[in-house]
């Protein structure tokens, strides 16, 4: 009986760790570095990439979570310069989409990044 409990508990912990690792692989944290933050043009750039994904791509700030394929939704997250953004995908098949958006943000959307 105790052995069964320990085995089940061990399997539960391993499953939980596996899920956490998997979730971490499907998300990236990145900071907004361009002077104007996420305004209409960068939002359109993100949405264009996100629309290529098989499943949903999510973008979150401390204020909200948005569908990254929608320009209007992206604008709602208040992505100012210096903001931390979390990008999430639902399937490993969309890793290229995730990495493309991360690189776009890290390059400041091709805009001025100086103060």
PDB file of N, CA and C in Angstrom:
ATOM      1  N   UNK A   1       0.818  -1.184   0.000  1.00  0.00           N
ATOM      2  CA  UNK A   1       0.000   0.000   0.000  1.00  0.00           C
ATOM      3  C   UNK A   1       0.873   1.263   0.000  1.00  0.00           C
ATOM      4  N   UNK A   2       1.839   1.329   0.893  1.00  0.00           N
ATOM      5  CA  UNK A   2       2.757   2.463   0.930  1.00  0.00           C
ATOM      6  C   UNK A   2       3.574   2.507  -0.352  1.00  0.00           C
ATOM      7  N   UNK A   3       3.986   1.345  -0.828  1.00  0.00           N
ATOM      8  CA  UNK A   3       4.766   1.273  -2.060  1.00  0.00           C
ATOM      9  C   UNK A   3       3.955   1.808  -3.234  1.00  0.00           C
ATOM     10  N   UNK A   4       2.663   1.469  -3.281  1.00  0.00           N
ATOM     11  CA  UNK A   4       1.805   1.981  -4.348  1.00  0.00           C
ATOM     12  C   UNK A   4       1.680   3.494  -4.272  1.00  0.00           C
ATOM     13  N   UNK A   5       1.498   4.001  -3.062  1.00  0.00           N
ATOM     14  CA  UNK A   5       1.396   5.450  -2.865  1.00  0.00           C
ATOM     15  C   UNK A   5       2.671   6.145  -3.333  1.00  0.00           C
ATOM     16  N   UNK A   6       3.818   5.619  -2.921  1.00  0.00           N
ATOM     17  CA  UNK A   6       5.097   6.226  -3.300  1.00  0.00           C
ATOM     18  C   UNK A   6       5.309   6.178  -4.809  1.00  0.00           C
ATOM     19  N   UNK A   7       4.971   5.059  -5.422  1.00  0.00           N
ATOM     20  CA  UNK A   7       5.108   4.933  -6.871  1.00  0.00           C
ATOM     21  C   UNK A   7       4.217   5.950  -7.577  1.00  0.00           C
ATOM     22  N   UNK A   8       2.956   6.043  -7.151  1.00  0.00           N
ATOM     23  CA  UNK A   8       2.022   6.988  -7.771  1.00  0.00           C
ATOM     24  C   UNK A   8       2.475   8.429  -7.564  1.00  0.00           C
ATOM     25  N   UNK A   9       2.925   8.736  -6.360  1.00  0.00           N
ATOM     26  CA  UNK A   9       3.407  10.088  -6.049  1.00  0.00           C
ATOM     27  C   UNK A   9       4.645  10.421  -6.885  1.00  0.00           C
ATOM     28  N   UNK A  10       5.541   9.468  -7.009  1.00  0.00           N
ATOM     29  CA  UNK A  10       6.751   9.641  -7.816  1.00  0.00           C
ATOM     30  C   UNK A  10       6.374   9.902  -9.272  1.00  0.00           C
ATOM     31  N   UNK A  11       5.446   9.128  -9.810  1.00  0.00           N
ATOM     32  CA  UNK A  11       5.002   9.307 -11.197  1.00  0.00           C
ATOM     33  C   UNK A  11       4.336  10.671 -11.387  1.00  0.00           C
ATOM     34  N   UNK A  12       3.559  11.098 -10.387  1.00  0.00           N
ATOM     35  CA  UNK A  12       2.912  12.406 -10.455  1.00  0.00           C
ATOM     36  C   UNK A  12       3.954  13.523 -10.501  1.00  0.00           C
ATOM     37  N   UNK A  13       4.966  13.420  -9.671  1.00  0.00           N
ATOM     38  CA  UNK A  13       6.033  14.434  -9.638  1.00  0.00           C
ATOM     39  C   UNK A  13       6.777  14.455 -10.969  1.00  0.00           C
ATOM     40  N   UNK A  14       7.107  13.290 -11.492  1.00  0.00           N
ATOM     41  CA  UNK A  14       7.807  13.236 -12.777  1.00  0.00           C
ATOM     42  C   UNK A  14       6.961  13.840 -13.888  1.00  0.00           C
ATOM     43  N   UNK A  15       5.664  13.556 -13.885  1.00  0.00           N
ATOM     44  CA  UNK A  15       4.766  14.123 -14.889  1.00  0.00           C
ATOM     45  C   UNK A  15       4.718  15.647 -14.742  1.00  0.00           C
ATOM     46  N   UNK A  16       4.643  16.156 -13.531  1.00  0.00           N
ATOM     47  CA  UNK A  16       4.600  17.595 -13.284  1.00  0.00           C
ATOM     48  C   UNK A  16       5.882  18.268 -13.752  1.00  0.00           C
ATOM     49  N   UNK A  17       7.022  17.666 -13.458  1.00  0.00           N
ATOM     50  CA  UNK A  17       8.301  18.219 -13.900  1.00  0.00           C
ATOM     51  C   UNK A  17       8.377  18.216 -15.413  1.00  0.00           C
ATOM     52  N   UNK A  18       7.915  17.141 -16.026  1.00  0.00           N
ATOM     53  CA  UNK A  18       7.909  17.031 -17.483  1.00  0.00           C
ATOM     54  C   UNK A  18       7.044  18.125 -18.106  1.00  0.00           C
ATOM     55  N   UNK A  19       5.871  18.378 -17.531  1.00  0.00           N
ATOM     56  CA  UNK A  19       4.983  19.422 -18.035  1.00  0.00           C
ATOM     57  C   UNK A  19       5.617  20.806 -17.885  1.00  0.00           C
ATOM     58  N   UNK A  20       6.260  21.063 -16.755  1.00  0.00           N
ATOM     59  CA  UNK A  20       6.918  22.352 -16.553  1.00  0.00           C
ATOM     60  C   UNK A  20       8.040  22.558 -17.561  1.00  0.00           C
ATOM     61  N   UNK A  21       8.837  21.539 -17.785  1.00  0.00           N
ATOM     62  CA  UNK A  21       9.926  21.627 -18.758  1.00  0.00           C
ATOM     63  C   UNK A  21       9.364  21.869 -20.141  1.00  0.00           C
ATOM     64  N   UNK A  22       8.323  21.144 -20.499  1.00  0.00           N
ATOM     65  CA  UNK A  22       7.694  21.292 -21.805  1.00  0.00           C
ATOM     66  C   UNK A  22       7.153  22.709 -21.975  1.00  0.00           C
ATOM     67  N   UNK A  23       6.470  23.222 -20.957  1.00  0.00           N
ATOM     68  CA  UNK A  23       5.915  24.575 -21.023  1.00  0.00           C
ATOM     69  C   UNK A  23       7.009  25.619 -21.158  1.00  0.00           C
ATOM     70  N   UNK A  24       8.118  25.436 -20.471  1.00  0.00           N
ATOM     71  CA  UNK A  24       9.219  26.386 -20.542  1.00  0.00           C
ATOM     72  C   UNK A  24       9.810  26.393 -21.955  1.00  0.00           C
ATOM     73  N   UNK A  25       9.835  25.240 -22.610  1.00  0.00           N
ATOM     74  CA  UNK A  25      10.353  25.166 -23.965  1.00  0.00           C
ATOM     75  C   UNK A  25       9.432  25.858 -24.957  1.00  0.00           C
ATOM     76  N   UNK A  26       8.161  25.980 -24.616  1.00  0.00           N
ATOM     77  CA  UNK A  26       7.184  26.583 -25.515  1.00  0.00           C
ATOM     78  C   UNK A  26       6.919  28.053 -25.198  1.00  0.00           C
ATOM     79  N   UNK A  27       7.790  28.667 -24.429  1.00  0.00           N
ATOM     80  CA  UNK A  27       7.612  30.086 -24.111  1.00  0.00           C
ATOM     81  C   UNK A  27       8.969  30.773 -24.023  1.00  0.00           C
ATOM     82  N   UNK A  28       8.948  32.076 -24.233  1.00  0.00           N
ATOM     83  CA  UNK A  28      10.159  32.879 -24.134  1.00  0.00           C
ATOM     84  C   UNK A  28       9.816  34.221 -23.498  1.00  0.00           C
ATOM     85  N   UNK A  29      10.700  34.689 -22.642  1.00  0.00           N
ATOM     86  CA  UNK A  29      10.594  36.033 -22.080  1.00  0.00           C
ATOM     87  C   UNK A  29      11.518  36.943 -22.865  1.00  0.00           C
ATOM     88  N   UNK A  30      11.051  38.126 -23.160  1.00  0.00           N
ATOM     89  CA  UNK A  30      11.854  39.091 -23.903  1.00  0.00           C
ATOM     90  C   UNK A  30      11.435  40.494 -23.462  1.00  0.00           C
ATOM     91  N   UNK A  31      12.363  41.430 -23.531  1.00  0.00           N
ATOM     92  CA  UNK A  31      12.067  42.824 -23.154  1.00  0.00           C
ATOM     93  C   UNK A  31      11.945  43.692 -24.394  1.00  0.00           C
ATOM     94  N   UNK A  32      11.025  44.623 -24.322  1.00  0.00           N
ATOM     95  CA  UNK A  32      10.835  45.579 -25.418  1.00  0.00           C
ATOM     96  C   UNK A  32      11.964  46.613 -25.337  1.00  0.00           C
ATOM     97  N   UNK A  33      12.715  46.785 -26.421  1.00  0.00           N
ATOM     98  CA  UNK A  33      13.864  47.694 -26.385  1.00  0.00           C
ATOM     99  C   UNK A  33      13.717  48.914 -27.290  1.00  0.00           C
ATOM    100  N   UNK A  34      12.761  48.879 -28.214  1.00  0.00           N
ATOM    101  CA  UNK A  34      12.639  50.039 -29.105  1.00  0.00           C
ATOM    102  C   UNK A  34      11.961  51.197 -28.389  1.00  0.00           C
ATOM    103  N   UNK A  35      12.338  52.395 -28.805  1.00  0.00           N
ATOM    104  CA  UNK A  35      11.928  53.635 -28.137  1.00  0.00           C
ATOM    105  C   UNK A  35      10.414  53.783 -27.967  1.00  0.00           C
ATOM    106  N   UNK A  36       9.651  53.432 -28.998  1.00  0.00           N
ATOM    107  CA  UNK A  36       8.200  53.643 -28.966  1.00  0.00           C
ATOM    108  C   UNK A  36       7.407  52.429 -28.478  1.00  0.00           C
ATOM    109  N   UNK A  37       8.092  51.334 -28.162  1.00  0.00           N
ATOM    110  CA  UNK A  37       7.391  50.150 -27.681  1.00  0.00           C
ATOM    111  C   UNK A  37       6.585  49.487 -28.792  1.00  0.00           C
ATOM    112  N   UNK A  38       5.583  48.711 -28.391  1.00  0.00           N
ATOM    113  CA  UNK A  38       4.746  48.025 -29.387  1.00  0.00           C
ATOM    114  C   UNK A  38       3.598  48.948 -29.774  1.00  0.00           C
ATOM    115  N   UNK A  39       3.754  49.580 -30.916  1.00  0.00           N
ATOM    116  CA  UNK A  39       2.691  50.410 -31.490  1.00  0.00           C
ATOM    117  C   UNK A  39       2.159  49.677 -32.722  1.00  0.00           C
ATOM    118  N   UNK A  40       1.405  50.331 -33.580  1.00  0.00           N
ATOM    119  CA  UNK A  40       0.717  49.646 -34.684  1.00  0.00           C
ATOM    120  C   UNK A  40       1.654  48.880 -35.622  1.00  0.00           C
ATOM    121  N   UNK A  41       2.762  49.486 -36.020  1.00  0.00           N
ATOM    122  CA  UNK A  41       3.669  48.819 -36.961  1.00  0.00           C
ATOM    123  C   UNK A  41       4.297  47.552 -36.374  1.00  0.00           C
ATOM    124  N   UNK A  42       4.905  47.617 -35.178  1.00  0.00           N
ATOM    125  CA  UNK A  42       5.423  46.381 -34.589  1.00  0.00           C
ATOM    126  C   UNK A  42       4.329  45.342 -34.321  1.00  0.00           C
ATOM    127  N   UNK A  43       3.144  45.794 -33.921  1.00  0.00           N
ATOM    128  CA  UNK A  43       2.043  44.860 -33.674  1.00  0.00           C
ATOM    129  C   UNK A  43       1.677  44.123 -34.962  1.00  0.00           C
ATOM    130  N   UNK A  44       1.669  44.845 -36.069  1.00  0.00           N
ATOM    131  CA  UNK A  44       1.372  44.223 -37.364  1.00  0.00           C
ATOM    132  C   UNK A  44       2.463  43.225 -37.757  1.00  0.00           C
ATOM    133  N   UNK A  45       3.700  43.547 -37.438  1.00  0.00           N
ATOM    134  CA  UNK A  45       4.815  42.644 -37.745  1.00  0.00           C
ATOM    135  C   UNK A  45       4.698  41.350 -36.937  1.00  0.00           C
ATOM    136  N   UNK A  46       4.381  41.483 -35.667  1.00  0.00           N
ATOM    137  CA  UNK A  46       4.202  40.304 -34.808  1.00  0.00           C
ATOM    138  C   UNK A  46       3.034  39.462 -35.311  1.00  0.00           C
ATOM    139  N   UNK A  47       1.902  40.113 -35.590  1.00  0.00           N
ATOM    140  CA  UNK A  47       0.698  39.397 -36.033  1.00  0.00           C
ATOM    141  C   UNK A  47       0.951  38.643 -37.337  1.00  0.00           C
ATOM    142  N   UNK A  48       1.677  39.255 -38.245  1.00  0.00           N
ATOM    143  CA  UNK A  48       1.969  38.614 -39.541  1.00  0.00           C
ATOM    144  C   UNK A  48       2.734  37.301 -39.327  1.00  0.00           C
ATOM    145  N   UNK A  49       3.694  37.313 -38.424  1.00  0.00           N
ATOM    146  CA  UNK A  49       4.450  36.090 -38.132  1.00  0.00           C
ATOM    147  C   UNK A  49       3.570  35.082 -37.398  1.00  0.00           C
ATOM    148  N   UNK A  50       2.826  35.546 -36.402  1.00  0.00           N
ATOM    149  CA  UNK A  50       1.986  34.655 -35.588  1.00  0.00           C
ATOM    150  C   UNK A  50       0.907  33.966 -36.425  1.00  0.00           C
ATOM    151  N   UNK A  51       0.443  34.613 -37.459  1.00  0.00           N
ATOM    152  CA  UNK A  51      -0.592  34.030 -38.312  1.00  0.00           C
ATOM    153  C   UNK A  51      -0.099  32.819 -39.095  1.00  0.00           C
ATOM    154  N   UNK A  52       1.194  32.614 -39.148  1.00  0.00           N
ATOM    155  CA  UNK A  52       1.776  31.450 -39.829  1.00  0.00           C
ATOM    156  C   UNK A  52       1.781  30.202 -38.941  1.00  0.00           C
ATOM    157  N   UNK A  53       1.456  30.361 -37.678  1.00  0.00           N
ATOM    158  CA  UNK A  53       1.500  29.250 -36.715  1.00  0.00           C
ATOM    159  C   UNK A  53       0.346  28.274 -36.937  1.00  0.00           C
ATOM    160  N   UNK A  54       0.606  27.014 -36.601  1.00  0.00           N
ATOM    161  CA  UNK A  54      -0.436  25.987 -36.672  1.00  0.00           C
ATOM    162  C   UNK A  54      -1.509  26.221 -35.617  1.00  0.00           C
ATOM    163  N   UNK A  55      -1.068  26.593 -34.425  1.00  0.00           N
ATOM    164  CA  UNK A  55      -1.989  26.821 -33.297  1.00  0.00           C
ATOM    165  C   UNK A  55      -1.774  28.229 -32.763  1.00  0.00           C
ATOM    166  N   UNK A  56      -2.454  28.547 -31.674  1.00  0.00           N
ATOM    167  CA  UNK A  56      -2.410  29.902 -31.118  1.00  0.00           C
ATOM    168  C   UNK A  56      -1.016  30.285 -30.632  1.00  0.00           C
ATOM    169  N   UNK A  57      -0.707  31.563 -30.801  1.00  0.00           N
ATOM    170  CA  UNK A  57       0.492  32.176 -30.249  1.00  0.00           C
ATOM    171  C   UNK A  57      -0.014  33.268 -29.314  1.00  0.00           C
ATOM    172  N   UNK A  58       0.512  33.293 -28.094  1.00  0.00           N
ATOM    173  CA  UNK A  58       0.055  34.246 -27.078  1.00  0.00           C
ATOM    174  C   UNK A  58       1.183  35.201 -26.720  1.00  0.00           C
ATOM    175  N   UNK A  59       0.806  36.442 -26.463  1.00  0.00           N
ATOM    176  CA  UNK A  59       1.754  37.450 -26.007  1.00  0.00           C
ATOM    177  C   UNK A  59       1.177  38.066 -24.740  1.00  0.00           C
ATOM    178  N   UNK A  60       1.998  38.119 -23.695  1.00  0.00           N
ATOM    179  CA  UNK A  60       1.517  38.604 -22.403  1.00  0.00           C
ATOM    180  C   UNK A  60       2.447  39.654 -21.840  1.00  0.00           C
ATOM    181  N   UNK A  61       1.856  40.586 -21.131  1.00  0.00           N
ATOM    182  CA  UNK A  61       2.616  41.557 -20.348  1.00  0.00           C
ATOM    183  C   UNK A  61       2.096  41.457 -18.922  1.00  0.00           C
ATOM    184  N   UNK A  62       2.559  42.336 -18.069  1.00  0.00           N
ATOM    185  CA  UNK A  62       2.057  42.311 -16.701  1.00  0.00           C
ATOM    186  C   UNK A  62       0.589  42.711 -16.632  1.00  0.00           C
ATOM    187  N   UNK A  63       0.069  43.292 -17.694  1.00  0.00           N
ATOM    188  CA  UNK A  63      -1.305  43.793 -17.705  1.00  0.00           C
ATOM    189  C   UNK A  63      -2.325  42.827 -18.291  1.00  0.00           C
ATOM    190  N   UNK A  64      -1.920  42.063 -19.330  1.00  0.00           N
ATOM    191  CA  UNK A  64      -2.909  41.281 -20.050  1.00  0.00           C
ATOM    192  C   UNK A  64      -2.248  40.189 -20.882  1.00  0.00           C
ATOM    193  N   UNK A  65      -3.070  39.315 -21.425  1.00  0.00           N
ATOM    194  CA  UNK A  65      -2.627  38.265 -22.345  1.00  0.00           C
ATOM    195  C   UNK A  65      -3.427  38.433 -23.624  1.00  0.00           C
ATOM    196  N   UNK A  66      -2.740  38.329 -24.776  1.00  0.00           N
ATOM    197  CA  UNK A  66      -3.405  38.600 -26.043  1.00  0.00           C
ATOM    198  C   UNK A  66      -3.068  37.554 -27.092  1.00  0.00           C
ATOM    199  N   UNK A  67      -3.956  37.418 -28.042  1.00  0.00           N
ATOM    200  CA  UNK A  67      -3.732  36.577 -29.216  1.00  0.00           C
ATOM    201  C   UNK A  67      -2.729  37.315 -30.102  1.00  0.00           C
ATOM    202  N   UNK A  68      -1.566  36.724 -30.329  1.00  0.00           N
ATOM    203  CA  UNK A  68      -0.508  37.400 -31.075  1.00  0.00           C
ATOM    204  C   UNK A  68      -0.786  37.487 -32.571  1.00  0.00           C
ATOM    205  N   UNK A  69      -1.856  36.879 -33.040  1.00  0.00           N
ATOM    206  CA  UNK A  69      -2.192  36.998 -34.458  1.00  0.00           C
ATOM    207  C   UNK A  69      -3.126  38.174 -34.720  1.00  0.00           C
ATOM    208  N   UNK A  70      -3.506  38.899 -33.675  1.00  0.00           N
ATOM    209  CA  UNK A  70      -4.421  40.034 -33.796  1.00  0.00           C
ATOM    210  C   UNK A  70      -3.725  41.342 -33.414  1.00  0.00           C
ATOM    211  N   UNK A  71      -3.644  42.253 -34.352  1.00  0.00           N
ATOM    212  CA  UNK A  71      -2.998  43.547 -34.099  1.00  0.00           C
ATOM    213  C   UNK A  71      -3.687  44.269 -32.944  1.00  0.00           C
ATOM    214  N   UNK A  72      -5.000  44.293 -32.957  1.00  0.00           N
ATOM    215  CA  UNK A  72      -5.753  44.980 -31.904  1.00  0.00           C
ATOM    216  C   UNK A  72      -5.474  44.361 -30.544  1.00  0.00           C
ATOM    217  N   UNK A  73      -5.459  43.030 -30.477  1.00  0.00           N
ATOM    218  CA  UNK A  73      -5.174  42.350 -29.206  1.00  0.00           C
ATOM    219  C   UNK A  73      -3.761  42.671 -28.720  1.00  0.00           C
ATOM    220  N   UNK A  74      -2.799  42.677 -29.631  1.00  0.00           N
ATOM    221  CA  UNK A  74      -1.416  42.976 -29.250  1.00  0.00           C
ATOM    222  C   UNK A  74      -1.313  44.383 -28.680  1.00  0.00           C
ATOM    223  N   UNK A  75      -1.988  45.325 -29.286  1.00  0.00           N
ATOM    224  CA  UNK A  75      -1.943  46.718 -28.817  1.00  0.00           C
ATOM    225  C   UNK A  75      -2.517  46.857 -27.407  1.00  0.00           C
ATOM    226  N   UNK A  76      -3.371  45.922 -27.011  1.00  0.00           N
ATOM    227  CA  UNK A  76      -4.010  46.003 -25.688  1.00  0.00           C
ATOM    228  C   UNK A  76      -3.071  45.645 -24.541  1.00  0.00           C
ATOM    229  N   UNK A  77      -1.900  45.076 -24.822  1.00  0.00           N
ATOM    230  CA  UNK A  77      -1.025  44.630 -23.732  1.00  0.00           C
ATOM    231  C   UNK A  77      -0.105  45.718 -23.188  1.00  0.00           C
ATOM    232  N   UNK A  78      -0.160  46.913 -23.754  1.00  0.00           N
ATOM    233  CA  UNK A  78       0.646  48.038 -23.259  1.00  0.00           C
ATOM    234  C   UNK A  78       2.143  47.707 -23.255  1.00  0.00           C
ATOM    235  N   UNK A  79       2.673  47.323 -24.399  1.00  0.00           N
ATOM    236  CA  UNK A  79       4.084  46.964 -24.509  1.00  0.00           C
ATOM    237  C   UNK A  79       4.974  48.181 -24.659  1.00  0.00           C
ATOM    238  N   UNK A  80       5.300  48.824 -23.547  1.00  0.00           N
ATOM    239  CA  UNK A  80       6.178  50.005 -23.559  1.00  0.00           C
ATOM    240  C   UNK A  80       7.637  49.584 -23.539  1.00  0.00           C
ATOM    241  N   UNK A  81       8.507  50.519 -23.887  1.00  0.00           N
ATOM    242  CA  UNK A  81       9.942  50.254 -23.808  1.00  0.00           C
ATOM    243  C   UNK A  81      10.285  49.820 -22.385  1.00  0.00           C
ATOM    244  N   UNK A  82      11.050  48.746 -22.278  1.00  0.00           N
ATOM    245  CA  UNK A  82      11.437  48.207 -20.978  1.00  0.00           C
ATOM    246  C   UNK A  82      10.483  47.166 -20.430  1.00  0.00           C
ATOM    247  N   UNK A  83       9.316  47.012 -21.048  1.00  0.00           N
ATOM    248  CA  UNK A  83       8.337  46.016 -20.596  1.00  0.00           C
ATOM    249  C   UNK A  83       8.850  44.608 -20.840  1.00  0.00           C
ATOM    250  N   UNK A  84       8.544  43.721 -19.909  1.00  0.00           N
ATOM    251  CA  UNK A  84       8.830  42.299 -20.095  1.00  0.00           C
ATOM    252  C   UNK A  84       7.629  41.661 -20.778  1.00  0.00           C
ATOM    253  N   UNK A  85       7.894  40.904 -21.809  1.00  0.00           N
ATOM    254  CA  UNK A  85       6.849  40.249 -22.584  1.00  0.00           C
ATOM    255  C   UNK A  85       7.079  38.741 -22.532  1.00  0.00           C
ATOM    256  N   UNK A  86       6.006  37.991 -22.378  1.00  0.00           N
ATOM    257  CA  UNK A  86       6.077  36.543 -22.434  1.00  0.00           C
ATOM    258  C   UNK A  86       5.385  36.095 -23.707  1.00  0.00           C
ATOM    259  N   UNK A  87       6.090  35.329 -24.523  1.00  0.00           N
ATOM    260  CA  UNK A  87       5.526  34.761 -25.746  1.00  0.00           C
ATOM    261  C   UNK A  87       5.337  33.275 -25.522  1.00  0.00           C
ATOM    262  N   UNK A  88       4.173  32.748 -25.919  1.00  0.00           N
ATOM    263  CA  UNK A  88       3.873  31.329 -25.716  1.00  0.00           C
ATOM    264  C   UNK A  88       3.276  30.727 -26.980  1.00  0.00           C
ATOM    265  N   UNK A  89       3.660  29.491 -27.251  1.00  0.00           N
ATOM    266  CA  UNK A  89       3.057  28.729 -28.341  1.00  0.00           C
ATOM    267  C   UNK A  89       2.457  27.461 -27.744  1.00  0.00           C
ATOM    268  N   UNK A  90       1.583  26.822 -28.506  1.00  0.00           N
ATOM    269  CA  UNK A  90       0.886  25.643 -27.996  1.00  0.00           C
ATOM    270  C   UNK A  90       1.455  24.327 -28.502  1.00  0.00           C
ATOM    271  N   UNK A  91       2.321  24.395 -29.507  1.00  0.00           N
ATOM    272  CA  UNK A  91       2.894  23.174 -30.064  1.00  0.00           C
ATOM    273  C   UNK A  91       4.336  23.418 -30.493  1.00  0.00           C
ATOM    274  N   UNK A  92       5.148  22.392 -30.346  1.00  0.00           N
ATOM    275  CA  UNK A  92       6.550  22.485 -30.750  1.00  0.00           C
ATOM    276  C   UNK A  92       6.698  22.756 -32.242  1.00  0.00           C
ATOM    277  N   UNK A  93       5.676  22.440 -33.014  1.00  0.00           N
ATOM    278  CA  UNK A  93       5.715  22.687 -34.457  1.00  0.00           C
ATOM    279  C   UNK A  93       5.822  24.170 -34.786  1.00  0.00           C
ATOM    280  N   UNK A  94       5.495  25.026 -33.824  1.00  0.00           N
ATOM    281  CA  UNK A  94       5.535  26.467 -34.041  1.00  0.00           C
ATOM    282  C   UNK A  94       6.770  27.132 -33.434  1.00  0.00           C
ATOM    283  N   UNK A  95       7.799  26.344 -33.132  1.00  0.00           N
ATOM    284  CA  UNK A  95       9.023  26.909 -32.553  1.00  0.00           C
ATOM    285  C   UNK A  95       9.641  27.973 -33.456  1.00  0.00           C
ATOM    286  N   UNK A  96       9.590  27.758 -34.771  1.00  0.00           N
ATOM    287  CA  UNK A  96      10.163  28.756 -35.688  1.00  0.00           C
ATOM    288  C   UNK A  96       9.406  30.075 -35.605  1.00  0.00           C
ATOM    289  N   UNK A  97       8.109  30.013 -35.398  1.00  0.00           N
ATOM    290  CA  UNK A  97       7.296  31.228 -35.231  1.00  0.00           C
ATOM    291  C   UNK A  97       7.704  31.940 -33.944  1.00  0.00           C
ATOM    292  N   UNK A  98       7.803  31.177 -32.868  1.00  0.00           N
ATOM    293  CA  UNK A  98       8.206  31.741 -31.578  1.00  0.00           C
ATOM    294  C   UNK A  98       9.562  32.427 -31.683  1.00  0.00           C
ATOM    295  N   UNK A  99      10.535  31.741 -32.244  1.00  0.00           N
ATOM    296  CA  UNK A  99      11.884  32.306 -32.347  1.00  0.00           C
ATOM    297  C   UNK A  99      11.923  33.519 -33.276  1.00  0.00           C
ATOM    298  N   UNK A 100      11.125  33.516 -34.338  1.00  0.00           N
ATOM    299  CA  UNK A 100      11.075  34.667 -35.245  1.00  0.00           C
ATOM    300  C   UNK A 100      10.542  35.909 -34.538  1.00  0.00           C
ATOM    301  N   UNK A 101       9.516  35.737 -33.728  1.00  0.00           N
ATOM    302  CA  UNK A 101       8.956  36.874 -32.988  1.00  0.00           C
ATOM    303  C   UNK A 101       9.952  37.361 -31.939  1.00  0.00           C
ATOM    304  N   UNK A 102      10.607  36.435 -31.251  1.00  0.00           N
ATOM    305  CA  UNK A 102      11.615  36.814 -30.253  1.00  0.00           C
ATOM    306  C   UNK A 102      12.717  37.642 -30.909  1.00  0.00           C
ATOM    307  N   UNK A 103      13.223  37.185 -32.041  1.00  0.00           N
ATOM    308  CA  UNK A 103      14.303  37.913 -32.728  1.00  0.00           C
ATOM    309  C   UNK A 103      13.831  39.285 -33.195  1.00  0.00           C
ATOM    310  N   UNK A 104      12.613  39.370 -33.673  1.00  0.00           N
ATOM    311  CA  UNK A 104      12.045  40.650 -34.099  1.00  0.00           C
ATOM    312  C   UNK A 104      12.027  41.645 -32.936  1.00  0.00           C
ATOM    313  N   UNK A 105      11.588  41.188 -31.776  1.00  0.00           N
ATOM    314  CA  UNK A 105      11.527  42.053 -30.598  1.00  0.00           C
ATOM    315  C   UNK A 105      12.932  42.417 -30.126  1.00  0.00           C
ATOM    316  N   UNK A 106      13.840  41.442 -30.107  1.00  0.00           N
ATOM    317  CA  UNK A 106      15.213  41.704 -29.666  1.00  0.00           C
ATOM    318  C   UNK A 106      15.943  42.694 -30.574  1.00  0.00           C
ATOM    319  N   UNK A 107      15.519  42.776 -31.825  1.00  0.00           N
ATOM    320  CA  UNK A 107      16.138  43.716 -32.768  1.00  0.00           C
ATOM    321  C   UNK A 107      15.400  45.057 -32.777  1.00  0.00           C
ATOM    322  N   UNK A 108      14.460  45.216 -31.862  1.00  0.00           N
ATOM    323  CA  UNK A 108      13.744  46.485 -31.737  1.00  0.00           C
ATOM    324  C   UNK A 108      12.836  46.796 -32.910  1.00  0.00           C
ATOM    325  N   UNK A 109      12.382  45.766 -33.599  1.00  0.00           N
ATOM    326  CA  UNK A 109      11.493  45.916 -34.758  1.00  0.00           C
ATOM    327  C   UNK A 109      12.133  46.759 -35.847  1.00  0.00           C
ATOM    328  N   UNK A 110      13.454  46.856 -35.839  1.00  0.00           N
ATOM    329  CA  UNK A 110      14.158  47.665 -36.834  1.00  0.00           C
ATOM    330  C   UNK A 110      14.037  49.158 -36.581  1.00  0.00           C
ATOM    331  N   UNK A 111      13.621  49.522 -35.367  1.00  0.00           N
ATOM    332  CA  UNK A 111      13.410  50.932 -35.021  1.00  0.00           C
ATOM    333  C   UNK A 111      14.531  51.436 -34.105  1.00  0.00           C
ATOM    334  N   UNK A 112      14.459  52.709 -33.788  1.00  0.00           N
ATOM    335  CA  UNK A 112      15.420  53.362 -32.892  1.00  0.00           C
ATOM    336  C   UNK A 112      15.298  52.767 -31.487  1.00  0.00           C
ATOM    337  N   UNK A 113      16.437  52.352 -30.926  1.00  0.00           N
ATOM    338  CA  UNK A 113      16.415  51.785 -29.579  1.00  0.00           C
ATOM    339  C   UNK A 113      17.124  52.688 -28.560  1.00  0.00           C
ATOM    340  N   UNK A 114      17.639  53.802 -29.012  1.00  0.00           N
ATOM    341  CA  UNK A 114      18.300  54.749 -28.096  1.00  0.00           C
ATOM    342  C   UNK A 114      17.278  55.578 -27.354  1.00  0.00           C
ATOM    343  N   UNK A 115      17.698  56.070 -26.181  1.00  0.00           N
ATOM    344  CA  UNK A 115      16.803  56.931 -25.379  1.00  0.00           C
ATOM    345  C   UNK A 115      16.613  58.273 -25.997  1.00  0.00           C
TER     346      UNK A 115
END
